[in-house]
Amino acid sequence: METLHEFSDDERRLTLISVLIIFLLSAMSQTVVATAMPRIVAELSGLHLYAWATTAYLLSSTVMVPIWGKLGDLYGRKPVLLAGIGIFLLGSWLAGLSGEFGDLPLLGEGMTQLIVFRTIQGLGGGALFTIAFAIVADLYAPRERAKFSGLFGATFGVASLLGPVIGGFFTDHGTVVLFGHLIQGWRWVFYVNVPFALAAVVMILVKMPSLPRRGGGRIDLAGAALIVTAFVPLLLAITWGGHEHAWTSPLIVGLFGVAAAALVAFVVVERVVRDPILPLELFGNRTFTTANGASFVYSMAFMGVTAFLPLYMQVGQGVPATRSGLTMLALMGGLVASSTVNGQFVTRTGRYKPFMIGGGVVLMIGVGLLCFIGPDTSTLDLTWRLLIVGVGLGPGQSLFNIAVQNAVPIHQLGVATSSGQFVRQIGSTMGVALFGALLTAGLSSELAHRAPPDPAHAVRALDLSDLQRMAVERQTRPAEADAPADPQAQAMERMVRESFSVAIVHGMAFSLAILVGGFILMLMIPALPLRERPAAAPAGPPAKA
């Protein structure tokens, strides 16, 4: 029989505030840095290592998610969260110092130092999302927890909106001289994490209750090592494939092979160890399997839609970067509003599946409408379509997680929560890779089809780096020069815009197709009643697959 622990309203409220601060730090850790990266690369002379500064954080934070979740179950959320924050702060501080003291033994030049320190930051960052959600699950019953989903959605929206602004401000205006020492502005992008994280640490130490350990045993070191061995090569393969290396290159094929072999070994190990890092019996829980499967698919579609639409607006429609960013706010606003409203309804009714299904239908309608955009689609026309997509995304962003937490045993709450976060991150990475590959293939095909038959005017294949360069060139073009003066250049730009528009529509059709698969999985999620108390047993045994 699970022990029921009661917490005061003051403890729960202040803990929730501190968790929201941690959630904000985790969400902003990528958006703030992305804006500053061009300046960082220029000052550290590391253009050839540009992508690794982001990839290092992604790899380390993703593979650590299930490990942190299991540690939280074994040793308690509070000490594990504090350990994660400490590692994240250490990585942030060291990243801000990258290159400050020139080349260092073992670490090398400044850009290499940044990559190493971003890896450390990611190791701690993997705990922030995972343990934050698990703490909320410990303090609030699933039915009550649903109403807070809007807060987390709003926090994510604030990070997406303010992150680039803060990063740009510090990069452009943050350079100062302290005690005779010059501190470049981009370094504050990392240092700014420190005071907010310390404030959250104080609140956690003072007011957060010592949540009970949910399980016993020891950490599964072999399973943890195999998770890293399986998913680091997998993430590298889907990140590099089609960009740095061809999908059929020996390196990419080899990485997939290593990932597959390690994954098989992981399953074998998890079947025999006493305290597996990911208990395989969870996959016999129909809610766990179908909700995480649907979450994986929806994350793929979400990143496929959002990662490339700003680029499409800048290259395919020729709108300024600022306007493309403001247009994307419609999606985020719809997501936050929908998540908040649906969370309130779930709390009142105690039912989550009808709102999942409603959101899924609206999302498919919104993505279907995006299949009809073109180079002449107005910003207003695109905005209302994105608003519908955001409204459809809102319920799924939180209700998948609540459904899983409601269906698993309390002692497996942390590992179940981390598994959901893990599959979302893998799905997002795969969504970007697959959508990007489809986009570049479609663009090359359309350009070849539209190119003049004259070999002298043949058009070479373009990839994402070419499109990003074209977007930058368009932003730096003088305002009075709306189009190139050369008629041939004008024709080429028009051809690229039209080809890109066709390619992005094909990508939207791909997203719609995988959303249909996700919707079918969603229909298979059991509609279990939501628990009324944080530590009560689930109402009835979870359905088996």
Protein backbone atom coordinates (compact mmCIF):
# COMPACT_ATOMS: atom_id res chain seq x y z
CA MET A 1 0.00 0.00 0.00
CA GLU A 2 1.43 3.38 -1.05
CA THR A 3 1.88 5.92 1.74
CA LEU A 4 -0.07 9.13 1.31
CA HIS A 5 1.90 12.28 2.05
CA GLU A 6 0.12 15.57 2.66
CA PHE A 7 1.72 18.91 1.78
CA SER A 8 0.67 22.38 2.87
CA ASP A 9 -0.63 24.88 0.32
CA ASP A 10 2.39 27.11 1.04
CA GLU A 11 4.82 24.26 0.34
CA ARG A 12 3.08 23.32 -2.86
CA ARG A 13 2.76 26.91 -4.11
CA LEU A 14 6.39 27.91 -3.52
CA THR A 15 7.65 24.59 -4.87
CA LEU A 16 5.56 25.13 -8.01
CA ILE A 17 7.08 28.62 -8.47
CA SER A 18 10.62 27.27 -8.12
CA VAL A 19 9.85 24.43 -10.53
CA LEU A 20 8.50 26.95 -13.07
CA ILE A 21 11.76 28.92 -12.80
CA ILE A 22 13.73 25.73 -13.46
CA PHE A 23 11.42 24.89 -16.36
CA LEU A 24 11.99 28.38 -17.81
CA LEU A 25 15.78 28.00 -17.52
CA SER A 26 15.64 24.67 -19.30
CA ALA A 27 13.41 25.99 -22.08
CA MET A 28 15.56 29.09 -22.60
CA SER A 29 18.89 27.26 -22.54
CA GLN A 30 18.59 26.72 -26.30
CA THR A 31 16.65 29.77 -27.52
CA VAL A 32 18.94 32.30 -25.80
CA VAL A 33 22.14 30.74 -27.09
CA ALA A 34 20.92 30.30 -30.68
CA THR A 35 20.76 34.07 -31.23
CA ALA A 36 24.26 34.62 -29.90
CA MET A 37 25.95 31.77 -31.79
CA PRO A 38 27.07 33.77 -34.88
CA ARG A 39 28.92 36.25 -32.63
CA ILE A 40 30.34 33.46 -30.46
CA VAL A 41 31.64 31.61 -33.52
CA ALA A 42 33.22 34.79 -34.88
CA GLU A 43 35.00 35.66 -31.61
CA LEU A 44 36.14 32.11 -30.88
CA SER A 45 37.11 31.44 -34.53
CA GLY A 46 35.12 28.22 -34.62
CA LEU A 47 32.96 28.31 -37.75
CA HIS A 48 33.91 24.70 -38.58
CA LEU A 49 32.50 23.62 -35.21
CA TYR A 50 29.37 25.80 -35.33
CA ALA A 51 26.80 23.00 -35.16
CA TRP A 52 28.56 21.14 -32.36
CA ALA A 53 27.84 23.83 -29.78
CA THR A 54 24.13 22.99 -30.14
CA THR A 55 24.51 19.29 -30.87
CA ALA A 56 26.62 18.72 -27.73
CA TYR A 57 23.88 20.10 -25.47
CA LEU A 58 21.17 18.15 -27.33
CA LEU A 59 23.03 14.85 -27.10
CA SER A 60 24.00 15.06 -23.44
CA SER A 61 20.63 16.36 -22.22
CA THR A 62 18.61 13.80 -24.20
CA VAL A 63 20.51 10.67 -23.18
CA MET A 64 20.47 11.74 -19.53
CA VAL A 65 16.68 12.14 -19.33
CA PRO A 66 15.81 8.49 -18.46
CA ILE A 67 18.82 8.26 -16.15
CA TRP A 68 17.75 11.32 -14.15
CA GLY A 69 14.19 9.98 -13.99
CA LYS A 70 15.36 6.69 -12.47
CA LEU A 71 17.66 8.49 -10.03
CA GLY A 72 14.70 10.56 -8.88
CA ASP A 73 12.74 7.41 -8.13
CA LEU A 74 15.65 5.83 -6.26
CA TYR A 75 17.04 8.74 -4.24
CA GLY A 76 14.23 11.32 -4.13
CA ARG A 77 13.38 14.28 -6.37
CA LYS A 78 14.85 17.04 -4.21
CA PRO A 79 18.51 15.92 -4.03
CA VAL A 80 18.48 14.79 -7.66
CA LEU A 81 17.03 18.12 -8.86
CA LEU A 82 19.60 20.04 -6.83
CA ALA A 83 22.36 17.89 -8.34
CA GLY A 84 21.04 18.58 -11.84
CA ILE A 85 20.84 22.32 -11.19
CA GLY A 86 24.39 22.29 -9.82
CA ILE A 87 25.77 20.56 -12.92
CA PHE A 88 23.75 22.88 -15.18
CA LEU A 89 25.08 25.95 -13.36
CA LEU A 90 28.66 24.67 -13.53
CA GLY A 91 28.32 24.10 -17.26
CA SER A 92 26.74 27.55 -17.77
CA TRP A 93 29.50 29.32 -15.85
CA LEU A 94 32.27 27.42 -17.63
CA ALA A 95 30.63 28.01 -21.03
CA GLY A 96 30.69 31.74 -20.32
CA LEU A 97 34.43 31.47 -19.63
CA SER A 98 35.18 29.65 -22.89
CA GLY A 99 38.30 31.09 -24.52
CA GLU A 100 38.78 33.62 -21.74
CA PHE A 101 42.20 32.20 -20.85
CA GLY A 102 43.31 31.19 -24.33
CA ASP A 103 44.11 27.60 -25.26
CA LEU A 104 43.94 25.17 -22.35
CA PRO A 105 45.62 21.77 -21.88
CA LEU A 106 43.35 18.91 -23.07
CA LEU A 107 40.49 21.33 -23.81
CA GLY A 108 42.24 23.17 -26.63
CA GLU A 109 40.92 26.36 -28.22
CA GLY A 110 37.92 28.42 -27.16
CA MET A 111 35.34 26.78 -29.41
CA THR A 112 36.38 23.31 -28.27
CA GLN A 113 36.10 24.48 -24.67
CA LEU A 114 32.58 25.76 -25.37
CA ILE A 115 31.54 22.39 -26.80
CA VAL A 116 32.88 20.52 -23.75
CA PHE A 117 31.21 22.94 -21.32
CA ARG A 118 27.91 22.83 -23.24
CA THR A 119 28.06 19.06 -22.88
CA ILE A 120 28.39 19.48 -19.10
CA GLN A 121 25.52 21.98 -19.14
CA GLY A 122 23.38 19.45 -21.02
CA LEU A 123 24.16 16.69 -18.53
CA GLY A 124 22.52 18.81 -15.83
CA GLY A 125 19.89 20.24 -18.16
CA GLY A 126 18.46 16.77 -18.73
CA ALA A 127 17.29 16.76 -15.10
CA LEU A 128 15.47 20.10 -15.21
CA PHE A 129 12.44 19.17 -17.34
CA THR A 130 12.21 15.60 -16.12
CA ILE A 131 12.43 16.15 -12.37
CA ALA A 132 10.29 19.30 -12.56
CA PHE A 133 7.38 17.36 -14.07
CA ALA A 134 7.87 14.50 -11.60
CA ILE A 135 7.80 16.91 -8.63
CA VAL A 136 4.52 18.42 -9.81
CA ALA A 137 3.19 14.86 -10.14
CA ASP A 138 4.22 14.14 -6.53
CA LEU A 139 2.53 17.27 -5.18
CA TYR A 140 -0.68 17.34 -7.20
CA ALA A 141 -3.15 14.63 -8.19
CA PRO A 142 -3.54 14.10 -11.96
CA ARG A 143 -6.97 15.70 -11.99
CA GLU A 144 -5.74 18.81 -10.19
CA ARG A 145 -2.46 18.80 -12.11
CA ALA A 146 -4.18 19.34 -15.45
CA LYS A 147 -5.06 22.95 -14.64
CA PHE A 148 -1.38 23.82 -14.27
CA SER A 149 -0.59 22.69 -17.80
CA GLY A 150 -1.34 26.20 -19.02
CA LEU A 151 1.35 27.58 -16.72
CA PHE A 152 3.96 25.30 -18.22
CA GLY A 153 2.69 26.07 -21.72
CA ALA A 154 2.90 29.79 -20.99
CA THR A 155 6.42 29.35 -19.59
CA PHE A 156 7.46 27.56 -22.76
CA GLY A 157 5.92 30.38 -24.81
CA VAL A 158 7.77 33.03 -22.79
CA ALA A 159 11.04 31.16 -23.36
CA SER A 160 10.40 30.96 -27.09
CA LEU A 161 9.56 34.67 -27.24
CA LEU A 162 12.05 36.20 -24.80
CA GLY A 163 14.96 33.84 -25.41
CA PRO A 164 16.01 35.30 -28.78
CA VAL A 165 15.38 38.84 -27.52
CA ILE A 166 17.53 38.35 -24.40
CA GLY A 167 20.22 36.60 -26.39
CA GLY A 168 20.32 39.39 -28.97
CA PHE A 169 20.34 42.13 -26.33
CA PHE A 170 23.28 40.70 -24.40
CA THR A 171 25.18 39.94 -27.58
CA ASP A 172 24.75 43.45 -29.02
CA HIS A 173 24.73 45.59 -25.88
CA GLY A 174 26.09 43.49 -23.01
CA THR A 175 29.83 44.11 -23.43
CA VAL A 176 31.16 45.76 -20.26
CA VAL A 177 34.42 46.45 -18.48
CA LEU A 178 34.53 45.21 -14.86
CA PHE A 179 37.59 45.89 -12.72
CA GLY A 180 39.58 46.66 -15.84
CA HIS A 181 38.59 43.38 -17.53
CA LEU A 182 36.57 43.29 -20.77
CA ILE A 183 33.60 40.88 -20.71
CA GLN A 184 32.09 40.28 -24.13
CA GLY A 185 28.32 40.55 -24.28
CA TRP A 186 27.71 37.00 -25.48
CA ARG A 187 29.18 35.60 -22.25
CA TRP A 188 26.18 36.96 -20.31
CA VAL A 189 23.98 34.58 -22.31
CA PHE A 190 25.43 31.84 -20.09
CA TYR A 191 26.00 33.87 -16.92
CA VAL A 192 22.35 35.02 -16.81
CA ASN A 193 21.34 31.49 -15.78
CA VAL A 194 23.23 31.76 -12.51
CA PRO A 195 21.12 34.24 -10.45
CA PHE A 196 17.78 32.70 -11.49
CA ALA A 197 18.96 29.17 -10.76
CA LEU A 198 20.36 30.23 -7.38
CA ALA A 199 17.02 31.83 -6.49
CA ALA A 200 15.25 28.59 -7.37
CA VAL A 201 17.78 26.60 -5.31
CA VAL A 202 17.12 28.76 -2.25
CA MET A 203 13.35 28.29 -2.60
CA ILE A 204 13.82 24.53 -3.05
CA LEU A 205 16.08 24.24 0.00
CA VAL A 206 13.87 26.37 2.22
CA LYS A 207 10.32 25.52 1.20
CA MET A 208 10.26 22.38 -0.91
CA PRO A 209 9.30 19.35 1.21
CA SER A 210 11.54 16.32 1.17
CA LEU A 211 9.50 14.16 -1.14
CA PRO A 212 9.61 10.44 -0.32
CA ARG A 213 11.68 8.01 -2.34
CA ARG A 214 9.40 6.04 -4.64
CA GLY A 215 11.51 2.92 -5.05
CA GLY A 216 14.46 0.97 -3.76
CA GLY A 217 17.48 -0.71 -5.28
CA ARG A 218 20.54 0.62 -7.08
CA ILE A 219 21.14 2.40 -10.34
CA ASP A 220 21.44 0.16 -13.38
CA LEU A 221 24.91 1.18 -14.61
CA ALA A 222 24.93 -1.24 -17.54
CA GLY A 223 21.54 0.02 -18.73
CA ALA A 224 22.65 3.64 -18.39
CA ALA A 225 25.81 2.97 -20.40
CA LEU A 226 23.84 1.21 -23.13
CA ILE A 227 21.32 4.07 -23.35
CA VAL A 228 24.21 6.43 -24.03
CA THR A 229 25.80 3.96 -26.49
CA ALA A 230 22.50 3.52 -28.37
CA PHE A 231 21.15 7.04 -28.55
CA VAL A 232 24.28 9.16 -29.01
CA PRO A 233 25.04 7.44 -32.36
CA LEU A 234 21.34 7.55 -33.28
CA LEU A 235 21.06 11.28 -32.61
CA LEU A 236 24.32 11.95 -34.44
CA ALA A 237 23.12 9.95 -37.44
CA ILE A 238 19.77 11.73 -37.74
CA THR A 239 21.44 15.11 -37.13
CA TRP A 240 24.23 14.64 -39.68
CA GLY A 241 22.31 12.57 -42.23
CA GLY A 242 21.54 14.53 -45.38
CA HIS A 243 23.55 17.54 -44.17
CA GLU A 244 27.10 16.75 -43.15
CA HIS A 245 27.06 13.30 -44.74
CA ALA A 246 24.85 11.38 -47.17
CA TRP A 247 22.30 9.03 -45.61
CA THR A 248 24.00 6.09 -47.36
CA SER A 249 27.55 7.06 -46.35
CA PRO A 250 29.54 4.47 -44.35
CA LEU A 251 29.63 6.80 -41.32
CA ILE A 252 25.85 7.26 -41.10
CA VAL A 253 25.12 3.60 -41.79
CA GLY A 254 27.72 2.64 -39.19
CA LEU A 255 26.18 4.95 -36.59
CA PHE A 256 22.76 3.42 -37.19
CA GLY A 257 24.32 -0.03 -36.87
CA VAL A 258 25.97 0.79 -33.55
CA ALA A 259 22.71 2.29 -32.26
CA ALA A 260 20.71 -0.79 -33.27
CA ALA A 261 23.19 -3.21 -31.70
CA ALA A 262 23.33 -1.21 -28.45
CA LEU A 263 19.53 -1.00 -28.34
CA VAL A 264 19.22 -4.79 -28.65
CA ALA A 265 21.83 -5.21 -25.89
CA PHE A 266 19.90 -2.70 -23.74
CA VAL A 267 16.69 -4.72 -24.04
CA VAL A 268 18.54 -7.92 -23.12
CA VAL A 269 20.16 -6.30 -20.08
CA GLU A 270 16.92 -4.70 -18.89
CA ARG A 271 15.21 -8.09 -18.95
CA VAL A 272 17.68 -9.64 -16.50
CA VAL A 273 18.86 -6.91 -14.11
CA ARG A 274 17.13 -6.55 -10.77
CA ASP A 275 16.52 -2.78 -10.94
CA PRO A 276 16.31 -1.80 -14.63
CA ILE A 277 16.68 1.85 -15.55
CA LEU A 278 13.62 1.41 -17.80
CA PRO A 279 11.38 -1.41 -16.52
CA LEU A 280 10.22 -3.28 -19.62
CA GLU A 281 6.91 -4.16 -17.94
CA LEU A 282 5.91 -0.54 -18.52
CA PHE A 283 5.52 -1.41 -22.19
CA GLY A 284 2.80 -3.85 -21.18
CA ASN A 285 0.84 -0.85 -19.91
CA ARG A 286 -1.37 0.14 -22.82
CA THR A 287 -1.65 3.75 -21.69
CA PHE A 288 2.13 4.09 -21.37
CA THR A 289 2.76 2.60 -24.81
CA THR A 290 0.05 4.36 -26.81
CA ALA A 291 0.39 7.77 -25.14
CA ASN A 292 4.16 7.83 -25.60
CA GLY A 293 3.78 6.59 -29.17
CA ALA A 294 1.31 9.36 -29.96
CA SER A 295 3.53 11.90 -28.20
CA PHE A 296 6.50 10.77 -30.31
CA VAL A 297 4.55 11.20 -33.55
CA TYR A 298 3.11 14.57 -32.54
CA SER A 299 6.57 15.84 -31.57
CA MET A 300 7.85 14.86 -35.01
CA ALA A 301 5.04 16.77 -36.69
CA PHE A 302 5.36 19.77 -34.36
CA MET A 303 9.06 20.28 -35.06
CA GLY A 304 8.59 19.60 -38.76
CA VAL A 305 6.03 22.40 -38.94
CA THR A 306 7.70 24.95 -36.67
CA ALA A 307 11.40 24.47 -37.49
CA PHE A 308 11.16 25.41 -41.16
CA LEU A 309 8.20 27.78 -41.47
CA PRO A 310 10.26 30.86 -40.48
CA LEU A 311 12.81 29.92 -43.16
CA TYR A 312 9.98 29.46 -45.65
CA MET A 313 8.56 32.87 -44.84
CA GLN A 314 11.94 34.54 -45.30
CA VAL A 315 13.02 32.71 -48.47
CA GLY A 316 9.77 31.47 -49.99
CA GLN A 317 7.73 34.61 -49.27
CA GLY A 318 10.47 37.20 -48.84
CA VAL A 319 9.23 38.61 -45.52
CA PRO A 320 11.65 40.09 -42.93
CA ALA A 321 12.95 37.91 -40.11
CA THR A 322 11.15 40.02 -37.50
CA ARG A 323 7.79 39.57 -39.19
CA SER A 324 8.34 35.83 -39.57
CA GLY A 325 9.06 35.60 -35.85
CA LEU A 326 5.96 37.59 -34.94
CA THR A 327 3.85 35.40 -37.22
CA MET A 328 5.01 32.30 -35.35
CA LEU A 329 3.70 33.89 -32.14
CA ALA A 330 0.18 33.06 -33.38
CA LEU A 331 1.02 29.36 -33.08
CA MET A 332 2.48 29.83 -29.61
CA GLY A 333 -0.46 31.96 -28.47
CA GLY A 334 -2.93 29.34 -29.65
CA LEU A 335 -0.93 26.62 -27.90
CA VAL A 336 -0.81 28.44 -24.57
CA ALA A 337 -4.50 29.43 -24.63
CA SER A 338 -5.64 25.97 -25.69
CA SER A 339 -3.44 24.23 -23.10
CA THR A 340 -4.79 26.49 -20.34
CA VAL A 341 -8.47 26.13 -21.27
CA ASN A 342 -8.29 22.38 -21.83
CA GLY A 343 -6.42 21.93 -18.54
CA GLN A 344 -9.24 23.64 -16.68
CA PHE A 345 -11.85 21.45 -18.38
CA VAL A 346 -9.89 18.29 -17.59
CA THR A 347 -9.70 19.29 -13.92
CA ARG A 348 -13.45 19.94 -13.80
CA THR A 349 -14.55 16.79 -15.65
CA GLY A 350 -11.81 14.33 -14.62
CA ARG A 351 -11.62 13.16 -18.26
CA TYR A 352 -8.70 13.74 -20.63
CA LYS A 353 -9.39 11.67 -23.73
CA PRO A 354 -12.19 13.80 -25.27
CA PHE A 355 -9.91 16.85 -25.15
CA MET A 356 -7.02 14.88 -26.66
CA ILE A 357 -9.25 13.81 -29.54
CA GLY A 358 -10.63 17.31 -30.05
CA GLY A 359 -7.12 18.77 -30.13
CA GLY A 360 -5.98 16.09 -32.57
CA VAL A 361 -8.84 16.87 -34.98
CA VAL A 362 -8.14 20.63 -34.84
CA LEU A 363 -4.42 20.01 -35.35
CA MET A 364 -5.01 17.91 -38.47
CA ILE A 365 -7.32 20.62 -39.82
CA GLY A 366 -4.66 23.28 -39.17
CA VAL A 367 -1.84 21.33 -40.81
CA GLY A 368 -4.19 20.46 -43.68
CA LEU A 369 -4.79 24.18 -44.22
CA LEU A 370 -1.02 24.73 -44.35
CA CYS A 371 -0.93 22.37 -47.34
CA PHE A 372 -2.53 25.16 -49.40
CA ILE A 373 -0.01 27.97 -48.80
CA GLY A 374 2.14 29.43 -51.56
CA PRO A 375 4.64 32.19 -52.34
CA ASP A 376 1.83 34.76 -52.50
CA THR A 377 0.08 33.74 -49.27
CA SER A 378 -0.28 36.85 -47.11
CA THR A 379 1.10 37.07 -43.59
CA LEU A 380 -2.43 37.42 -42.21
CA ASP A 381 -3.56 34.34 -44.12
CA LEU A 382 -0.66 32.33 -42.70
CA THR A 383 -1.21 33.70 -39.19
CA TRP A 384 -4.76 32.37 -38.76
CA ARG A 385 -3.71 28.98 -40.06
CA LEU A 386 -0.87 28.85 -37.51
CA LEU A 387 -3.30 29.89 -34.78
CA ILE A 388 -5.43 26.83 -35.57
CA VAL A 389 -2.34 24.62 -35.46
CA GLY A 390 -1.46 26.05 -32.03
CA VAL A 391 -4.96 25.45 -30.70
CA GLY A 392 -4.73 21.84 -31.85
CA LEU A 393 -1.30 21.32 -30.31
CA GLY A 394 -2.26 22.67 -26.89
CA PRO A 395 -4.00 19.63 -25.32
CA GLY A 396 -1.45 17.07 -26.44
CA GLN A 397 1.51 18.96 -24.98
CA SER A 398 0.42 18.12 -21.44
CA LEU A 399 -2.34 15.52 -21.52
CA PHE A 400 -0.13 12.72 -22.87
CA ASN A 401 2.09 13.19 -19.84
CA ILE A 402 -0.85 13.29 -17.42
CA ALA A 403 -2.35 10.13 -18.93
CA VAL A 404 0.93 8.23 -18.44
CA GLN A 405 1.47 9.49 -14.89
CA ASN A 406 -2.08 8.55 -13.99
CA ALA A 407 -1.69 4.98 -15.28
CA VAL A 408 1.63 3.85 -13.79
CA PRO A 409 2.48 2.72 -10.24
CA ILE A 410 3.63 5.52 -7.98
CA HIS A 411 7.11 4.03 -7.45
CA GLN A 412 7.69 4.24 -11.24
CA LEU A 413 6.43 7.80 -11.61
CA GLY A 414 9.85 9.32 -12.25
CA VAL A 415 10.98 6.84 -14.87
CA ALA A 416 7.57 6.99 -16.60
CA THR A 417 7.70 10.80 -16.70
CA SER A 418 11.26 10.82 -18.00
CA SER A 419 10.36 8.26 -20.68
CA GLY A 420 7.71 10.62 -22.01
CA GLN A 421 10.17 13.50 -22.13
CA PHE A 422 12.75 11.23 -23.75
CA VAL A 423 10.51 10.08 -26.60
CA ARG A 424 9.40 13.68 -27.22
CA GLN A 425 13.01 14.82 -27.60
CA ILE A 426 13.86 11.91 -29.89
CA GLY A 427 10.70 12.57 -31.90
CA SER A 428 11.53 16.26 -32.24
CA THR A 429 15.05 15.47 -33.48
CA MET A 430 13.77 12.93 -35.97
CA GLY A 431 11.06 15.33 -37.12
CA VAL A 432 13.61 18.01 -37.97
CA ALA A 433 15.85 15.51 -39.75
CA LEU A 434 13.10 13.85 -41.80
CA PHE A 435 11.32 17.10 -42.66
CA GLY A 436 14.64 18.71 -43.62
CA ALA A 437 15.59 15.77 -45.85
CA LEU A 438 12.16 15.83 -47.52
CA LEU A 439 12.34 19.59 -47.94
CA THR A 440 15.76 19.60 -49.62
CA ALA A 441 14.86 16.64 -51.86
CA GLY A 442 11.63 18.35 -52.93
CA LEU A 443 13.39 21.65 -53.52
CA SER A 444 16.08 20.04 -55.68
CA SER A 445 13.43 18.17 -57.69
CA GLU A 446 11.36 21.32 -58.28
CA LEU A 447 14.40 23.38 -59.26
CA ALA A 448 15.49 20.72 -61.74
CA HIS A 449 11.97 20.65 -63.18
CA ARG A 450 11.71 24.44 -63.51
CA ALA A 451 15.27 25.11 -64.69
CA PRO A 452 15.78 26.20 -68.32
CA PRO A 453 16.89 23.38 -70.63
CA ASP A 454 19.99 25.39 -71.56
CA PRO A 455 22.98 23.74 -69.77
CA ALA A 456 24.55 27.17 -69.35
CA HIS A 457 21.72 28.09 -66.98
CA ALA A 458 21.55 24.81 -65.10
CA VAL A 459 20.66 25.17 -61.42
CA ARG A 460 22.69 23.26 -58.88
CA ALA A 461 20.99 21.43 -56.01
CA LEU A 462 20.39 23.49 -52.87
CA ASP A 463 20.52 22.31 -49.28
CA LEU A 464 19.38 23.86 -46.00
CA SER A 465 22.63 25.77 -45.54
CA ASP A 466 22.04 27.44 -48.92
CA LEU A 467 18.53 28.43 -47.87
CA GLN A 468 19.77 29.82 -44.57
CA ARG A 469 22.43 31.83 -46.41
CA MET A 470 19.78 33.20 -48.79
CA ALA A 471 17.63 34.22 -45.82
CA VAL A 472 20.56 36.10 -44.27
CA GLU A 473 21.40 37.81 -47.56
CA ARG A 474 17.80 38.91 -47.96
CA GLN A 475 17.77 40.42 -44.46
CA THR A 476 20.98 42.34 -45.14
CA ARG A 477 19.79 43.65 -48.51
CA PRO A 478 19.04 47.41 -48.40
CA ALA A 479 15.38 48.22 -47.89
CA GLU A 480 15.13 50.04 -51.21
CA ALA A 481 16.44 46.99 -53.06
CA ASP A 482 13.37 44.79 -52.91
CA ALA A 483 14.65 42.57 -55.71
CA PRO A 484 17.94 42.06 -57.54
CA ALA A 485 18.52 44.45 -60.43
CA ASP A 486 19.70 41.70 -62.78
CA PRO A 487 16.70 40.15 -64.63
CA GLN A 488 18.36 36.74 -64.57
CA ALA A 489 18.85 37.01 -60.80
CA GLN A 490 15.21 38.07 -60.43
CA ALA A 491 14.08 35.03 -62.39
CA MET A 492 16.29 32.79 -60.29
CA GLU A 493 14.90 34.21 -57.04
CA ARG A 494 11.35 33.76 -58.23
CA MET A 495 12.10 30.17 -59.25
CA VAL A 496 13.58 29.40 -55.82
CA ARG A 497 10.59 30.96 -54.07
CA GLU A 498 8.09 28.95 -56.10
CA SER A 499 10.11 25.74 -55.75
CA PHE A 500 10.49 26.23 -52.00
CA SER A 501 6.74 26.81 -51.68
CA VAL A 502 6.00 23.52 -53.43
CA ALA A 503 8.58 21.70 -51.29
CA ILE A 504 7.20 23.09 -48.01
CA VAL A 505 3.67 22.02 -49.01
CA HIS A 506 4.97 18.49 -49.62
CA GLY A 507 6.50 18.65 -46.15
CA MET A 508 3.18 19.72 -44.66
CA ALA A 509 1.48 16.81 -46.40
CA PHE A 510 4.08 14.50 -44.84
CA SER A 511 3.36 16.00 -41.40
CA LEU A 512 -0.36 15.52 -41.95
CA ALA A 513 0.18 11.88 -42.87
CA ILE A 514 2.17 11.10 -39.71
CA LEU A 515 -0.40 13.04 -37.65
CA VAL A 516 -3.07 10.65 -38.90
CA GLY A 517 -0.94 7.80 -37.53
CA GLY A 518 -0.55 9.65 -34.24
CA PHE A 519 -4.32 10.22 -34.10
CA ILE A 520 -4.96 6.49 -34.51
CA LEU A 521 -2.58 5.82 -31.61
CA MET A 522 -4.39 8.48 -29.58
CA LEU A 523 -7.72 6.73 -30.13
CA MET A 524 -6.17 3.61 -28.60
CA ILE A 525 -5.25 5.37 -25.32
CA PRO A 526 -7.49 3.98 -22.52
CA ALA A 527 -9.78 6.55 -20.92
CA LEU A 528 -8.90 5.84 -17.26
CA PRO A 529 -10.45 8.06 -14.57
CA LEU A 530 -7.97 10.58 -13.19
CA ARG A 531 -6.77 9.99 -9.64
CA GLU A 532 -8.07 12.40 -7.02
CA ARG A 533 -5.03 12.23 -4.72
CA PRO A 534 -1.28 12.45 -5.56
CA ALA A 535 -0.28 9.12 -4.02
CA ALA A 536 -3.41 7.07 -4.48
CA ALA A 537 -3.22 3.91 -6.55
CA PRO A 538 -4.61 4.11 -10.09
CA ALA A 539 -8.30 3.43 -10.42
CA GLY A 540 -8.24 -0.13 -11.66
CA PRO A 541 -5.32 -1.98 -13.23
CA PRO A 542 -3.84 -0.45 -16.36
CA ALA A 543 -5.07 -2.00 -19.53
CA LYS A 544 -2.70 -4.42 -21.19
CA ALA A 545 -1.66 -4.17 -24.78
